[in-house]
Amino acid sequence: MSDAAGDTISTRPNDRTASVLRFAVELVAWVATPWALASHSWLLAALSLVLLIGLPTCFSTPGDKAKVIIAVPGWVTILLVLLQLVAAVASSWLVWPVWAASAVTLMAVITLVTERRRWRWLVSGASA
């Protein structure tokens, strides 16, 4: 797409499937991570929720979310997604049976594949 001056306008890719998978993995991270940390410290469990929910809420790339509190470049948004994926997979293996942790791992891998278009868009200067 281009504007009247002929400049290319970067539009966010349609990623409904990626969004659903990403949110599902986020939910797993929000449940499994505090669960895994609770046996060590309730404070760590609570802090994990603050990080896993609070960081992506506060920091986002303009154009990727409707409301941006603190604007960050696309690579920061990608790192926040990777944090969620790693937390979900690692924590699920620590607290859940093998079949459930395997399903979470598979879901995270599929999420990585479906996120590729969005991540290319994010690193191409989505915040510019």
Protein backbone atom coordinates (compact mmCIF):
# COMPACT_ATOMS: atom_id res chain seq x y z
CA MET A 1 0.00 0.00 0.00
CA SER A 2 1.28 3.53 -0.64
CA ASP A 3 0.14 7.04 0.18
CA ALA A 4 -0.34 10.03 -2.15
CA ALA A 5 3.40 10.81 -2.09
CA GLY A 6 4.20 7.27 -3.20
CA ASP A 7 5.80 6.28 0.11
CA THR A 8 5.22 2.72 1.21
CA ILE A 9 2.98 2.40 4.26
CA SER A 10 3.67 -0.63 6.40
CA THR A 11 0.43 -2.25 7.51
CA ARG A 12 0.21 -4.81 10.26
CA PRO A 13 -0.28 -8.30 8.84
CA ASN A 14 -3.57 -10.07 9.44
CA ASP A 15 -2.58 -12.65 12.04
CA ARG A 16 -5.77 -13.89 13.69
CA THR A 17 -4.42 -17.46 14.09
CA ALA A 18 -1.10 -16.20 15.45
CA SER A 19 -2.93 -13.92 17.90
CA VAL A 20 -5.09 -16.75 19.23
CA LEU A 21 -2.09 -19.06 19.66
CA ARG A 22 0.00 -16.30 21.22
CA PHE A 23 -2.78 -15.54 23.73
CA ALA A 24 -3.20 -19.23 24.56
CA VAL A 25 0.52 -19.53 25.30
CA GLU A 26 0.36 -16.33 27.39
CA LEU A 27 -2.45 -17.86 29.46
CA VAL A 28 -0.34 -20.96 30.05
CA ALA A 29 2.61 -18.79 31.12
CA TRP A 30 0.37 -16.81 33.50
CA VAL A 31 -0.86 -20.04 35.14
CA ALA A 32 2.16 -22.35 35.03
CA THR A 33 4.91 -19.88 35.96
CA PRO A 34 3.49 -18.75 39.31
CA TRP A 35 2.52 -22.36 39.97
CA ALA A 36 6.12 -23.46 39.42
CA LEU A 37 7.52 -20.63 41.54
CA ALA A 38 5.01 -20.84 44.38
CA SER A 39 6.83 -23.76 46.01
CA HIS A 40 9.95 -21.57 46.25
CA SER A 41 8.41 -18.22 47.14
CA TRP A 42 4.98 -16.62 46.92
CA LEU A 43 6.77 -13.35 46.23
CA LEU A 44 8.50 -14.81 43.16
CA ALA A 45 5.17 -16.21 41.99
CA ALA A 46 3.54 -12.78 42.29
CA LEU A 47 6.52 -11.06 40.66
CA SER A 48 6.31 -13.46 37.71
CA LEU A 49 2.73 -12.30 37.09
CA VAL A 50 3.76 -8.67 37.29
CA LEU A 51 6.47 -9.31 34.68
CA LEU A 52 4.47 -11.60 32.38
CA ILE A 53 1.34 -9.46 32.37
CA GLY A 54 2.66 -6.01 33.25
CA LEU A 55 5.55 -5.69 30.81
CA PRO A 56 3.54 -6.43 27.64
CA THR A 57 0.75 -4.20 28.93
CA CYS A 58 3.04 -1.22 29.49
CA PHE A 59 5.49 -1.66 26.63
CA SER A 60 4.23 -2.10 23.08
CA THR A 61 5.04 -1.13 19.54
CA PRO A 62 2.89 1.59 17.95
CA GLY A 63 0.63 0.07 15.33
CA ASP A 64 0.72 -3.35 16.99
CA LYS A 65 -1.79 -2.46 19.71
CA ALA A 66 -4.64 0.02 19.71
CA LYS A 67 -3.41 1.76 22.87
CA VAL A 68 0.27 2.20 23.59
CA ILE A 69 1.35 3.27 27.07
CA ILE A 70 5.13 3.23 26.51
CA ALA A 71 6.25 2.94 22.89
CA VAL A 72 9.08 0.54 22.16
CA PRO A 73 10.68 -0.70 18.95
CA GLY A 74 9.44 -3.92 17.39
CA TRP A 75 12.35 -6.03 18.62
CA VAL A 76 11.30 -5.33 22.24
CA THR A 77 7.81 -6.63 21.51
CA ILE A 78 9.36 -9.76 19.98
CA LEU A 79 11.49 -10.28 23.11
CA LEU A 80 8.38 -9.96 25.29
CA VAL A 81 6.62 -12.64 23.24
CA LEU A 82 9.69 -14.88 23.51
CA LEU A 83 9.67 -14.36 27.28
CA GLN A 84 6.06 -15.58 27.40
CA LEU A 85 6.86 -18.61 25.21
CA VAL A 86 9.89 -19.64 27.27
CA ALA A 87 8.04 -19.15 30.55
CA ALA A 88 5.09 -21.24 29.34
CA VAL A 89 7.23 -24.12 28.09
CA ALA A 90 9.72 -24.22 30.97
CA SER A 91 7.07 -23.87 33.66
CA SER A 92 4.74 -26.43 32.11
CA TRP A 93 7.54 -29.01 32.15
CA LEU A 94 8.17 -28.27 35.83
CA VAL A 95 4.59 -28.56 37.09
CA TRP A 96 2.46 -30.52 34.65
CA PRO A 97 2.43 -34.09 33.35
CA VAL A 98 4.44 -34.93 30.24
CA TRP A 99 1.40 -35.01 27.95
CA ALA A 100 0.36 -31.47 28.99
CA ALA A 101 3.88 -30.06 28.80
CA SER A 102 4.31 -31.67 25.39
CA ALA A 103 1.11 -30.02 24.18
CA VAL A 104 2.31 -26.63 25.47
CA THR A 105 5.66 -27.12 23.74
CA LEU A 106 3.95 -27.99 20.46
CA MET A 107 1.67 -24.96 20.79
CA ALA A 108 4.70 -22.72 21.42
CA VAL A 109 6.50 -24.08 18.34
CA ILE A 110 3.42 -23.50 16.19
CA THR A 111 3.18 -20.00 17.65
CA LEU A 112 6.79 -19.32 16.61
CA VAL A 113 5.95 -20.36 13.05
CA THR A 114 2.75 -18.31 12.85
CA GLU A 115 4.42 -15.22 14.35
CA ARG A 116 7.01 -14.93 11.55
CA ARG A 117 5.01 -12.44 9.42
CA ARG A 118 4.23 -10.23 12.40
CA TRP A 119 7.83 -10.31 13.57
CA ARG A 120 9.11 -9.37 10.10
CA TRP A 121 6.70 -6.45 10.19
CA LEU A 122 7.80 -5.47 13.70
CA VAL A 123 11.52 -5.42 12.84
CA SER A 124 10.92 -3.65 9.53
CA GLY A 125 10.17 -0.44 11.36
CA ALA A 126 6.60 -0.84 12.54
CA SER A 127 7.19 1.87 15.12
CA ALA A 128 8.53 4.34 12.57
